[in-house]
């Protein structure tokens, strides 16, 4: 896609070190959105810049509230590298977590792999708007691919939204296209279906 002049941005709930490794493996030079929009990495004037778009103290206070309430929450191994949020293992219904955190300025979102606690007002969509601003673009110029509840706002704001059969119910409801295949094959299916890249030539 990049060879065809189509920029590709990574927007992930994962930590920046992991996202940056994938970014470099793929040969990308676009911004990276990590930690569900809490972290934005980009280049400016030849320098690598990391912006924090959320206050981790809010997420940590929310996590401590869950512990005090007696909820069996366990932080992910990768939390040692998180700079703006807290991620705990899946297992508890989101409604139980939200009930404890009612009134706190914290966003509770499930990715299917973890439940993320992030300062309210942050998220993938605000970070995407900021990242695209560096490129002279807006979400309405873009095709977005996502499969979790944390992707829903970004999918809604995009010109064309794609998810996979395994995507969350909310992601499937807002998607313009649900692929037949999963994961990598599903992504290839989507970009061909959208006309972003041509289909492979048989033989």
N, C-alpha and C. Protein backbone atom coordinates (compact mmCIF):
# COMPACT_ATOMS: atom_id res chain seq x y z
N UNK A 1 0.82 -1.21 0.00
CA UNK A 1 0.00 0.00 0.00
C UNK A 1 0.86 1.26 0.00
N UNK A 2 1.91 1.24 0.79
CA UNK A 2 2.77 2.42 0.83
C UNK A 2 3.45 2.65 -0.52
N UNK A 3 3.76 1.56 -1.23
CA UNK A 3 4.37 1.70 -2.55
C UNK A 3 3.39 2.32 -3.54
N UNK A 4 2.09 2.16 -3.28
CA UNK A 4 1.07 2.76 -4.13
C UNK A 4 0.74 4.18 -3.70
N UNK A 5 1.46 4.69 -2.69
CA UNK A 5 1.24 6.05 -2.22
C UNK A 5 0.12 6.18 -1.21
N UNK A 6 -0.31 5.05 -0.61
CA UNK A 6 -1.37 5.07 0.39
C UNK A 6 -0.74 5.00 1.78
N UNK A 7 -0.83 6.07 2.57
CA UNK A 7 -0.23 6.03 3.91
C UNK A 7 -0.99 5.08 4.82
N UNK A 8 -0.26 4.38 5.67
CA UNK A 8 -0.83 3.43 6.62
C UNK A 8 -0.44 3.85 8.03
N UNK A 9 -1.43 4.05 8.89
CA UNK A 9 -1.18 4.38 10.29
C UNK A 9 -1.57 3.22 11.18
N UNK A 10 -0.77 2.97 12.20
CA UNK A 10 -1.10 1.97 13.20
C UNK A 10 -1.77 2.66 14.38
N UNK A 11 -2.93 2.13 14.80
CA UNK A 11 -3.62 2.63 15.99
C UNK A 11 -3.94 1.41 16.84
N UNK A 12 -3.31 1.30 17.99
CA UNK A 12 -3.36 0.08 18.77
C UNK A 12 -3.55 0.36 20.25
N UNK A 13 -4.07 -0.64 20.95
CA UNK A 13 -4.12 -0.57 22.41
C UNK A 13 -2.82 -1.03 23.03
N UNK A 14 -1.91 -1.51 22.21
CA UNK A 14 -0.64 -2.00 22.73
C UNK A 14 0.29 -0.85 23.08
N UNK A 15 1.41 -1.18 23.69
CA UNK A 15 2.38 -0.18 24.12
C UNK A 15 3.24 0.26 22.94
N UNK A 16 3.84 1.43 23.07
CA UNK A 16 4.62 2.00 21.97
C UNK A 16 5.81 1.12 21.56
N UNK A 17 6.58 0.53 22.49
CA UNK A 17 7.71 -0.28 22.03
C UNK A 17 7.31 -1.41 21.07
N UNK A 18 6.19 -2.06 21.35
CA UNK A 18 5.73 -3.14 20.48
C UNK A 18 5.23 -2.58 19.16
N UNK A 19 4.45 -1.50 19.22
CA UNK A 19 3.93 -0.88 18.00
C UNK A 19 5.06 -0.34 17.14
N UNK A 20 6.08 0.24 17.77
CA UNK A 20 7.21 0.79 17.01
C UNK A 20 8.01 -0.31 16.32
N UNK A 21 8.16 -1.45 16.98
CA UNK A 21 8.87 -2.58 16.35
C UNK A 21 8.13 -3.03 15.10
N UNK A 22 6.80 -3.16 15.19
CA UNK A 22 6.01 -3.56 14.02
C UNK A 22 6.08 -2.49 12.93
N UNK A 23 5.98 -1.24 13.33
CA UNK A 23 6.04 -0.10 12.41
C UNK A 23 7.32 -0.15 11.58
N UNK A 24 8.45 -0.40 12.24
CA UNK A 24 9.73 -0.45 11.53
C UNK A 24 9.86 -1.71 10.69
N UNK A 25 9.32 -2.83 11.19
CA UNK A 25 9.35 -4.07 10.41
C UNK A 25 8.58 -3.89 9.10
N UNK A 26 7.47 -3.14 9.16
CA UNK A 26 6.66 -2.91 7.97
C UNK A 26 7.21 -1.80 7.08
N UNK A 27 8.21 -1.09 7.56
CA UNK A 27 8.80 -0.01 6.76
C UNK A 27 7.94 1.24 6.67
N UNK A 28 7.16 1.51 7.72
CA UNK A 28 6.27 2.67 7.70
C UNK A 28 7.00 3.91 8.21
N UNK A 29 6.51 5.08 7.80
CA UNK A 29 7.09 6.34 8.29
C UNK A 29 6.00 7.30 8.76
N UNK A 30 4.82 6.76 9.05
CA UNK A 30 3.68 7.54 9.48
C UNK A 30 3.59 7.58 11.01
N UNK A 31 2.71 8.43 11.56
CA UNK A 31 2.54 8.44 13.02
C UNK A 31 2.04 7.10 13.55
N UNK A 32 2.26 6.86 14.84
CA UNK A 32 1.76 5.69 15.54
C UNK A 32 0.88 6.15 16.69
N UNK A 33 -0.30 5.55 16.79
CA UNK A 33 -1.18 5.76 17.93
C UNK A 33 -1.09 4.52 18.80
N UNK A 34 -0.65 4.66 20.04
CA UNK A 34 -0.50 3.53 20.96
C UNK A 34 -1.33 3.78 22.21
N UNK A 35 -1.44 2.75 23.03
CA UNK A 35 -2.17 2.83 24.31
C UNK A 35 -3.58 3.40 24.13
N UNK A 36 -4.25 2.95 23.08
CA UNK A 36 -5.64 3.38 22.82
C UNK A 36 -5.78 4.87 22.62
N UNK A 37 -4.74 5.51 22.15
CA UNK A 37 -4.80 6.94 21.92
C UNK A 37 -4.15 7.77 23.00
N UNK A 38 -3.62 7.12 24.01
CA UNK A 38 -2.92 7.87 25.06
C UNK A 38 -1.55 8.36 24.62
N UNK A 39 -0.97 7.67 23.64
CA UNK A 39 0.38 8.01 23.17
C UNK A 39 0.35 8.22 21.66
N UNK A 40 0.99 9.28 21.21
CA UNK A 40 1.14 9.54 19.78
C UNK A 40 2.62 9.73 19.47
N UNK A 41 3.11 8.90 18.54
CA UNK A 41 4.51 8.98 18.09
C UNK A 41 4.50 9.52 16.66
N UNK A 42 5.39 10.48 16.41
CA UNK A 42 5.54 10.98 15.04
C UNK A 42 6.90 11.65 14.90
N UNK A 43 7.23 11.98 13.68
CA UNK A 43 8.48 12.70 13.42
C UNK A 43 8.18 14.16 13.11
N UNK A 44 9.02 15.04 13.62
CA UNK A 44 8.85 16.47 13.39
C UNK A 44 10.22 17.11 13.27
N UNK A 45 10.49 17.72 12.13
CA UNK A 45 11.78 18.38 11.93
C UNK A 45 12.95 17.43 12.05
N UNK A 46 12.76 16.18 11.63
CA UNK A 46 13.82 15.19 11.69
C UNK A 46 13.98 14.54 13.05
N UNK A 47 13.13 14.91 14.01
CA UNK A 47 13.20 14.34 15.36
C UNK A 47 12.04 13.40 15.59
N UNK A 48 12.26 12.39 16.45
CA UNK A 48 11.18 11.51 16.89
C UNK A 48 10.51 12.15 18.10
N UNK A 49 9.20 12.30 18.03
CA UNK A 49 8.43 12.97 19.08
C UNK A 49 7.41 12.00 19.66
N UNK A 50 7.31 11.96 20.97
CA UNK A 50 6.29 11.17 21.66
C UNK A 50 5.42 12.12 22.47
N UNK A 51 4.14 12.16 22.15
CA UNK A 51 3.20 13.01 22.86
C UNK A 51 2.33 12.15 23.78
N UNK A 52 2.13 12.60 24.99
CA UNK A 52 1.21 11.96 25.92
C UNK A 52 -0.11 12.72 25.87
N UNK A 53 -1.17 12.03 25.45
CA UNK A 53 -2.47 12.66 25.27
C UNK A 53 -3.44 12.32 26.40
N UNK A 54 -2.95 11.66 27.43
CA UNK A 54 -3.77 11.32 28.60
C UNK A 54 -2.87 11.31 29.84
N UNK A 55 -3.49 11.55 30.98
CA UNK A 55 -2.78 11.60 32.26
C UNK A 55 -2.89 10.24 32.95
N UNK A 56 -1.76 9.56 33.10
CA UNK A 56 -1.81 8.21 33.68
C UNK A 56 -2.24 8.22 35.15
N UNK A 57 -2.07 9.34 35.82
CA UNK A 57 -2.45 9.39 37.23
C UNK A 57 -3.94 9.11 37.40
N UNK A 58 -4.74 9.53 36.41
CA UNK A 58 -6.19 9.28 36.47
C UNK A 58 -6.46 7.78 36.35
N UNK A 59 -5.74 7.12 35.42
CA UNK A 59 -5.92 5.68 35.23
C UNK A 59 -5.47 4.91 36.47
N UNK A 60 -4.35 5.32 37.06
CA UNK A 60 -3.85 4.64 38.26
C UNK A 60 -4.81 4.81 39.43
N UNK A 61 -5.38 6.01 39.57
CA UNK A 61 -6.35 6.23 40.65
C UNK A 61 -7.57 5.34 40.46
N UNK A 62 -8.00 5.18 39.20
CA UNK A 62 -9.14 4.30 38.91
C UNK A 62 -8.81 2.85 39.25
N UNK A 63 -7.61 2.42 38.90
CA UNK A 63 -7.20 1.05 39.21
C UNK A 63 -7.19 0.82 40.72
N UNK A 64 -6.67 1.78 41.47
CA UNK A 64 -6.64 1.63 42.93
C UNK A 64 -8.06 1.56 43.50
N UNK A 65 -9.00 2.26 42.88
CA UNK A 65 -10.39 2.20 43.33
C UNK A 65 -10.95 0.79 43.13
N UNK A 66 -10.60 0.17 42.01
CA UNK A 66 -11.07 -1.20 41.75
C UNK A 66 -10.49 -2.17 42.77
N UNK A 67 -9.23 -1.99 43.11
CA UNK A 67 -8.59 -2.86 44.11
C UNK A 67 -9.24 -2.68 45.47
N UNK A 68 -9.48 -1.43 45.86
CA UNK A 68 -10.11 -1.15 47.16
C UNK A 68 -11.52 -1.73 47.22
N UNK A 69 -12.20 -1.78 46.07
CA UNK A 69 -13.56 -2.32 46.02
C UNK A 69 -13.57 -3.85 46.05
N UNK A 70 -12.39 -4.46 46.02
CA UNK A 70 -12.31 -5.90 46.11
C UNK A 70 -12.47 -6.63 44.79
N UNK A 71 -12.43 -5.91 43.68
CA UNK A 71 -12.56 -6.57 42.39
C UNK A 71 -11.24 -7.29 42.05
N UNK A 72 -11.33 -8.51 41.50
CA UNK A 72 -10.11 -9.28 41.18
C UNK A 72 -9.49 -8.82 39.86
N UNK A 73 -8.85 -7.66 39.89
CA UNK A 73 -8.24 -7.10 38.68
C UNK A 73 -6.74 -7.39 38.68
N UNK A 74 -6.23 -7.74 37.52
CA UNK A 74 -4.81 -8.07 37.38
C UNK A 74 -4.25 -7.32 36.18
N UNK A 75 -3.23 -6.52 36.43
CA UNK A 75 -2.66 -5.72 35.34
C UNK A 75 -1.86 -6.60 34.38
N UNK A 76 -1.84 -6.21 33.12
CA UNK A 76 -1.10 -6.94 32.11
C UNK A 76 0.40 -6.82 32.34
N UNK A 77 1.14 -7.80 31.86
CA UNK A 77 2.61 -7.75 31.93
C UNK A 77 3.13 -6.48 31.26
N UNK A 78 2.51 -6.10 30.14
CA UNK A 78 2.99 -4.94 29.39
C UNK A 78 2.70 -3.61 30.09
N UNK A 79 1.98 -3.66 31.20
CA UNK A 79 1.69 -2.40 31.91
C UNK A 79 2.96 -1.72 32.40
N UNK A 80 4.03 -2.47 32.56
CA UNK A 80 5.29 -1.86 33.00
C UNK A 80 5.82 -0.85 31.98
N UNK A 81 5.32 -0.93 30.73
CA UNK A 81 5.76 0.00 29.68
C UNK A 81 4.70 1.04 29.33
N UNK A 82 3.56 0.97 29.97
CA UNK A 82 2.51 1.94 29.66
C UNK A 82 2.81 3.28 30.32
N UNK A 83 2.50 4.33 29.58
CA UNK A 83 2.81 5.68 30.05
C UNK A 83 1.57 6.52 30.32
N UNK A 84 0.40 6.11 29.81
CA UNK A 84 -0.77 6.97 29.92
C UNK A 84 -2.02 6.25 30.40
N UNK A 85 -2.00 4.94 30.54
CA UNK A 85 -3.20 4.20 30.89
C UNK A 85 -2.84 3.00 31.75
N UNK A 86 -3.88 2.27 32.15
CA UNK A 86 -3.71 1.00 32.86
C UNK A 86 -4.55 -0.03 32.11
N UNK A 87 -4.00 -1.21 31.89
CA UNK A 87 -4.72 -2.29 31.23
C UNK A 87 -4.76 -3.50 32.15
N UNK A 88 -5.96 -4.03 32.34
CA UNK A 88 -6.15 -5.21 33.20
C UNK A 88 -6.70 -6.36 32.37
N UNK A 89 -6.48 -7.56 32.88
CA UNK A 89 -6.93 -8.76 32.16
C UNK A 89 -8.45 -8.77 32.02
N UNK A 90 -8.91 -9.31 30.89
CA UNK A 90 -10.34 -9.50 30.68
C UNK A 90 -10.88 -10.51 31.71
N UNK A 91 -12.17 -10.48 31.90
CA UNK A 91 -12.80 -11.45 32.80
C UNK A 91 -13.97 -10.85 33.55
N UNK A 92 -13.80 -9.61 34.01
CA UNK A 92 -14.88 -8.93 34.71
C UNK A 92 -15.77 -8.20 33.70
N UNK A 93 -17.09 -8.23 33.89
CA UNK A 93 -17.97 -7.44 33.02
C UNK A 93 -17.64 -5.95 33.14
N UNK A 94 -17.66 -5.27 32.01
CA UNK A 94 -17.36 -3.84 32.02
C UNK A 94 -18.31 -3.08 32.94
N UNK A 95 -19.57 -3.54 33.03
CA UNK A 95 -20.54 -2.81 33.85
C UNK A 95 -20.15 -2.82 35.32
N UNK A 96 -19.51 -3.89 35.80
CA UNK A 96 -19.06 -3.93 37.20
C UNK A 96 -17.94 -2.92 37.42
N UNK A 97 -17.03 -2.83 36.46
CA UNK A 97 -15.93 -1.88 36.58
C UNK A 97 -16.47 -0.45 36.53
N UNK A 98 -17.38 -0.20 35.59
CA UNK A 98 -17.94 1.14 35.46
C UNK A 98 -18.73 1.55 36.70
N UNK A 99 -19.40 0.59 37.32
CA UNK A 99 -20.17 0.90 38.52
C UNK A 99 -19.27 1.41 39.64
N UNK A 100 -18.11 0.78 39.80
CA UNK A 100 -17.16 1.21 40.83
C UNK A 100 -16.57 2.57 40.49
N UNK A 101 -16.35 2.82 39.20
CA UNK A 101 -15.65 4.04 38.78
C UNK A 101 -16.60 5.18 38.42
N UNK A 102 -17.88 5.00 38.69
CA UNK A 102 -18.86 6.05 38.37
C UNK A 102 -18.45 7.37 39.02
N UNK A 103 -18.44 8.42 38.23
CA UNK A 103 -18.07 9.74 38.75
C UNK A 103 -16.60 10.09 38.56
N UNK A 104 -15.78 9.10 38.21
CA UNK A 104 -14.37 9.39 37.96
C UNK A 104 -14.15 9.73 36.49
N UNK A 105 -13.19 10.59 36.19
CA UNK A 105 -12.97 11.02 34.80
C UNK A 105 -12.16 9.99 34.01
N UNK A 106 -12.69 8.78 33.95
CA UNK A 106 -11.94 7.69 33.33
C UNK A 106 -12.83 6.96 32.33
N UNK A 107 -12.23 6.58 31.22
CA UNK A 107 -12.89 5.80 30.17
C UNK A 107 -12.55 4.34 30.39
N UNK A 108 -13.56 3.47 30.30
CA UNK A 108 -13.37 2.02 30.44
C UNK A 108 -13.71 1.38 29.11
N UNK A 109 -12.72 0.74 28.48
CA UNK A 109 -12.96 0.15 27.17
C UNK A 109 -12.31 -1.23 27.08
N UNK A 110 -13.05 -2.15 26.48
CA UNK A 110 -12.55 -3.50 26.27
C UNK A 110 -12.05 -3.66 24.84
N UNK A 111 -10.91 -4.32 24.70
CA UNK A 111 -10.37 -4.60 23.37
C UNK A 111 -10.60 -6.05 22.97
N UNK A 112 -11.12 -6.85 23.88
CA UNK A 112 -11.21 -8.28 23.65
C UNK A 112 -10.00 -9.02 24.21
N UNK A 113 -8.93 -8.28 24.46
CA UNK A 113 -7.71 -8.85 25.06
C UNK A 113 -7.50 -8.31 26.46
N UNK A 114 -7.98 -7.09 26.70
CA UNK A 114 -7.80 -6.44 28.00
C UNK A 114 -8.87 -5.38 28.17
N UNK A 115 -9.03 -4.93 29.41
CA UNK A 115 -9.88 -3.79 29.70
C UNK A 115 -8.95 -2.62 30.02
N UNK A 116 -9.13 -1.52 29.31
CA UNK A 116 -8.24 -0.38 29.42
C UNK A 116 -8.89 0.74 30.21
N UNK A 117 -8.13 1.35 31.10
CA UNK A 117 -8.56 2.51 31.88
C UNK A 117 -7.76 3.70 31.37
N UNK A 118 -8.47 4.69 30.85
CA UNK A 118 -7.82 5.83 30.19
C UNK A 118 -8.58 7.10 30.56
N UNK A 119 -7.87 8.19 30.67
CA UNK A 119 -8.50 9.47 30.98
C UNK A 119 -9.65 9.76 30.02
N UNK A 120 -10.80 10.14 30.57
CA UNK A 120 -11.96 10.45 29.73
C UNK A 120 -11.62 11.61 28.79
N UNK A 121 -12.05 11.49 27.56
CA UNK A 121 -11.75 12.50 26.54
C UNK A 121 -10.61 12.08 25.63
N UNK A 122 -9.81 11.12 26.09
CA UNK A 122 -8.76 10.56 25.24
C UNK A 122 -9.34 9.37 24.48
N UNK A 123 -8.53 8.78 23.62
CA UNK A 123 -9.00 7.63 22.85
C UNK A 123 -8.39 7.62 21.47
N UNK A 124 -8.68 6.58 20.73
CA UNK A 124 -8.09 6.44 19.40
C UNK A 124 -8.54 7.55 18.45
N UNK A 125 -9.82 7.93 18.52
CA UNK A 125 -10.30 8.95 17.58
C UNK A 125 -9.64 10.32 17.82
N UNK A 126 -9.59 10.85 19.05
CA UNK A 126 -8.89 12.12 19.23
C UNK A 126 -7.42 12.04 18.81
N UNK A 127 -6.77 10.91 19.10
CA UNK A 127 -5.36 10.76 18.70
C UNK A 127 -5.25 10.67 17.19
N UNK A 128 -6.20 9.99 16.55
CA UNK A 128 -6.17 9.90 15.09
C UNK A 128 -6.33 11.28 14.46
N UNK A 129 -7.24 12.07 14.99
CA UNK A 129 -7.41 13.44 14.46
C UNK A 129 -6.11 14.23 14.57
N UNK A 130 -5.44 14.08 15.70
CA UNK A 130 -4.18 14.82 15.89
C UNK A 130 -3.10 14.29 14.94
N UNK A 131 -3.02 12.96 14.81
CA UNK A 131 -2.02 12.37 13.91
C UNK A 131 -2.26 12.79 12.47
N UNK A 132 -3.52 12.72 12.04
CA UNK A 132 -3.83 13.07 10.66
C UNK A 132 -3.62 14.56 10.40
N UNK A 133 -3.78 15.38 11.45
CA UNK A 133 -3.54 16.81 11.30
C UNK A 133 -2.12 17.11 10.83
N UNK A 134 -1.17 16.27 11.27
CA UNK A 134 0.22 16.44 10.83
C UNK A 134 0.36 16.12 9.34
N UNK A 135 -0.63 15.42 8.78
CA UNK A 135 -0.55 14.98 7.39
C UNK A 135 -1.53 15.73 6.50
N UNK A 136 -2.23 16.70 7.07
CA UNK A 136 -3.20 17.46 6.29
C UNK A 136 -4.46 16.66 5.95
N UNK A 137 -4.82 15.70 6.80
CA UNK A 137 -5.97 14.84 6.56
C UNK A 137 -6.93 14.87 7.75
N UNK A 138 -8.12 14.30 7.55
CA UNK A 138 -9.10 14.13 8.62
C UNK A 138 -9.60 12.69 8.58
N UNK A 139 -10.25 12.18 9.65
CA UNK A 139 -10.74 10.80 9.63
C UNK A 139 -11.67 10.50 8.45
N UNK A 140 -12.42 11.51 8.01
CA UNK A 140 -13.32 11.30 6.88
C UNK A 140 -12.62 11.05 5.57
N UNK A 141 -11.31 11.21 5.56
CA UNK A 141 -10.52 10.89 4.35
C UNK A 141 -10.07 9.44 4.35
N UNK A 142 -10.35 8.71 5.42
CA UNK A 142 -9.65 7.45 5.66
C UNK A 142 -10.56 6.23 5.67
N UNK A 143 -9.96 5.10 5.37
CA UNK A 143 -10.53 3.79 5.64
C UNK A 143 -9.96 3.34 6.98
N UNK A 144 -10.83 2.89 7.88
CA UNK A 144 -10.37 2.43 9.20
C UNK A 144 -10.72 0.97 9.37
N UNK A 145 -9.80 0.22 9.97
CA UNK A 145 -10.00 -1.20 10.25
C UNK A 145 -9.84 -1.41 11.75
N UNK A 146 -10.84 -1.98 12.38
CA UNK A 146 -10.76 -2.23 13.82
C UNK A 146 -11.74 -3.29 14.24
N UNK A 147 -11.47 -3.93 15.37
CA UNK A 147 -12.32 -5.06 15.78
C UNK A 147 -12.81 -5.01 17.21
N UNK A 148 -12.49 -3.95 17.95
CA UNK A 148 -12.86 -3.89 19.36
C UNK A 148 -13.78 -2.72 19.67
N UNK A 149 -14.35 -2.74 20.87
CA UNK A 149 -15.17 -1.61 21.31
C UNK A 149 -14.37 -0.32 21.32
N UNK A 150 -13.08 -0.43 21.57
CA UNK A 150 -12.23 0.76 21.60
C UNK A 150 -12.02 1.36 20.21
N UNK A 151 -12.46 0.66 19.17
CA UNK A 151 -12.33 1.15 17.80
C UNK A 151 -13.59 1.81 17.27
N UNK A 152 -14.69 1.71 18.01
CA UNK A 152 -15.99 2.10 17.48
C UNK A 152 -16.03 3.58 17.07
N UNK A 153 -15.56 4.48 17.91
CA UNK A 153 -15.60 5.92 17.58
C UNK A 153 -14.78 6.20 16.33
N UNK A 154 -13.62 5.57 16.22
CA UNK A 154 -12.77 5.74 15.04
C UNK A 154 -13.45 5.21 13.78
N UNK A 155 -14.10 4.04 13.91
CA UNK A 155 -14.81 3.47 12.77
C UNK A 155 -15.94 4.38 12.32
N UNK A 156 -16.69 4.92 13.27
CA UNK A 156 -17.81 5.80 12.93
C UNK A 156 -17.35 7.05 12.18
N UNK A 157 -16.19 7.57 12.54
CA UNK A 157 -15.71 8.83 11.96
C UNK A 157 -15.04 8.66 10.61
N UNK A 158 -14.73 7.43 10.24
CA UNK A 158 -13.98 7.20 9.00
C UNK A 158 -14.90 7.22 7.79
N UNK A 159 -14.31 7.36 6.62
CA UNK A 159 -15.07 7.32 5.38
C UNK A 159 -15.60 5.93 5.10
N UNK A 160 -14.83 4.92 5.47
CA UNK A 160 -15.23 3.54 5.22
C UNK A 160 -14.68 2.68 6.35
N UNK A 161 -15.57 2.01 7.06
CA UNK A 161 -15.19 1.27 8.27
C UNK A 161 -15.26 -0.22 8.03
N UNK A 162 -14.22 -0.92 8.47
CA UNK A 162 -14.09 -2.36 8.24
C UNK A 162 -13.84 -3.06 9.56
N UNK A 163 -14.46 -4.22 9.75
CA UNK A 163 -14.13 -5.08 10.86
C UNK A 163 -14.13 -6.53 10.37
N UNK A 164 -13.87 -7.45 11.28
CA UNK A 164 -13.74 -8.87 10.95
C UNK A 164 -14.91 -9.66 11.55
N UNK A 165 -15.12 -10.89 11.13
CA UNK A 165 -16.18 -11.70 11.73
C UNK A 165 -16.05 -11.84 13.24
N UNK A 166 -14.82 -11.81 13.74
CA UNK A 166 -14.57 -11.94 15.17
C UNK A 166 -14.64 -10.60 15.90
N UNK A 167 -14.92 -9.51 15.17
CA UNK A 167 -15.02 -8.20 15.79
C UNK A 167 -16.13 -8.15 16.82
N UNK A 168 -16.03 -7.21 17.74
CA UNK A 168 -17.07 -7.07 18.77
C UNK A 168 -18.41 -6.75 18.11
N UNK A 169 -19.48 -7.01 18.83
CA UNK A 169 -20.82 -6.73 18.29
C UNK A 169 -20.95 -5.25 17.94
N UNK A 170 -20.41 -4.38 18.75
CA UNK A 170 -20.50 -2.94 18.47
C UNK A 170 -19.70 -2.57 17.24
N UNK A 171 -18.53 -3.16 17.07
CA UNK A 171 -17.73 -2.88 15.88
C UNK A 171 -18.44 -3.35 14.62
N UNK A 172 -19.06 -4.53 14.69
CA UNK A 172 -19.77 -5.05 13.52
C UNK A 172 -20.98 -4.18 13.18
N UNK A 173 -21.64 -3.63 14.20
CA UNK A 173 -22.82 -2.80 13.93
C UNK A 173 -22.46 -1.51 13.19
N UNK A 174 -21.32 -0.92 13.49
CA UNK A 174 -20.99 0.37 12.86
C UNK A 174 -20.18 0.20 11.57
N UNK A 175 -19.70 -1.00 11.29
CA UNK A 175 -18.84 -1.21 10.12
C UNK A 175 -19.63 -1.12 8.82
N UNK A 176 -19.00 -0.55 7.81
CA UNK A 176 -19.56 -0.57 6.46
C UNK A 176 -19.34 -1.92 5.79
N UNK A 177 -18.31 -2.63 6.24
CA UNK A 177 -17.97 -3.89 5.60
C UNK A 177 -17.39 -4.83 6.65
N UNK A 178 -17.95 -6.04 6.72
CA UNK A 178 -17.42 -7.09 7.59
C UNK A 178 -16.79 -8.13 6.67
N UNK A 179 -15.51 -8.36 6.83
CA UNK A 179 -14.81 -9.27 5.94
C UNK A 179 -15.28 -10.71 6.14
N UNK A 180 -15.05 -11.53 5.15
CA UNK A 180 -15.33 -12.96 5.30
C UNK A 180 -14.16 -13.65 6.01
N UNK A 181 -12.94 -13.23 5.66
CA UNK A 181 -11.75 -13.82 6.27
C UNK A 181 -11.38 -13.05 7.54
N UNK A 182 -10.53 -13.66 8.35
CA UNK A 182 -10.08 -13.03 9.60
C UNK A 182 -8.69 -12.41 9.43
N UNK A 183 -8.39 -11.46 10.30
CA UNK A 183 -7.04 -10.94 10.53
C UNK A 183 -6.33 -10.52 9.24
N UNK A 184 -5.14 -11.02 8.99
CA UNK A 184 -4.37 -10.56 7.84
C UNK A 184 -5.07 -10.78 6.52
N UNK A 185 -5.66 -11.96 6.35
CA UNK A 185 -6.38 -12.25 5.11
C UNK A 185 -7.61 -11.34 4.99
N UNK A 186 -8.24 -11.06 6.11
CA UNK A 186 -9.37 -10.16 6.10
C UNK A 186 -8.98 -8.75 5.72
N UNK A 187 -7.82 -8.31 6.21
CA UNK A 187 -7.34 -6.98 5.85
C UNK A 187 -7.08 -6.88 4.35
N UNK A 188 -6.42 -7.89 3.79
CA UNK A 188 -6.17 -7.89 2.34
C UNK A 188 -7.49 -7.89 1.58
N UNK A 189 -8.44 -8.69 2.04
CA UNK A 189 -9.77 -8.72 1.41
C UNK A 189 -10.39 -7.32 1.42
N UNK A 190 -10.28 -6.63 2.53
CA UNK A 190 -10.91 -5.32 2.68
C UNK A 190 -10.29 -4.27 1.75
N UNK A 191 -8.97 -4.22 1.69
CA UNK A 191 -8.34 -3.18 0.87
C UNK A 191 -8.56 -3.45 -0.62
N UNK A 192 -8.68 -4.72 -0.99
CA UNK A 192 -9.02 -5.04 -2.39
C UNK A 192 -10.47 -4.67 -2.67
N UNK A 193 -11.36 -5.03 -1.75
CA UNK A 193 -12.78 -4.71 -1.91
C UNK A 193 -12.99 -3.21 -2.02
N UNK A 194 -12.22 -2.43 -1.26
CA UNK A 194 -12.35 -0.97 -1.27
C UNK A 194 -11.70 -0.33 -2.48
N UNK A 195 -10.92 -1.12 -3.24
CA UNK A 195 -10.23 -0.56 -4.39
C UNK A 195 -8.95 0.17 -4.05
N UNK A 196 -8.49 -0.01 -2.80
CA UNK A 196 -7.25 0.66 -2.39
C UNK A 196 -6.07 0.05 -3.14
N UNK A 197 -6.09 -1.27 -3.29
CA UNK A 197 -5.08 -1.96 -4.08
C UNK A 197 -5.81 -2.88 -5.05
N UNK A 198 -5.21 -3.18 -6.20
CA UNK A 198 -5.86 -4.07 -7.15
C UNK A 198 -5.80 -5.52 -6.69
N UNK A 199 -6.74 -6.34 -7.16
CA UNK A 199 -6.67 -7.77 -6.82
C UNK A 199 -5.46 -8.40 -7.48
N UNK A 200 -4.95 -9.48 -6.89
CA UNK A 200 -3.79 -10.17 -7.51
C UNK A 200 -4.16 -10.73 -8.87
N UNK A 201 -3.18 -10.75 -9.75
CA UNK A 201 -3.37 -11.29 -11.10
C UNK A 201 -3.22 -12.80 -11.03
N UNK A 202 -4.23 -13.56 -11.47
CA UNK A 202 -4.11 -15.05 -11.43
C UNK A 202 -2.90 -15.53 -12.19
N UNK A 203 -2.31 -16.62 -11.69
CA UNK A 203 -1.18 -17.26 -12.38
C UNK A 203 0.13 -16.62 -12.07
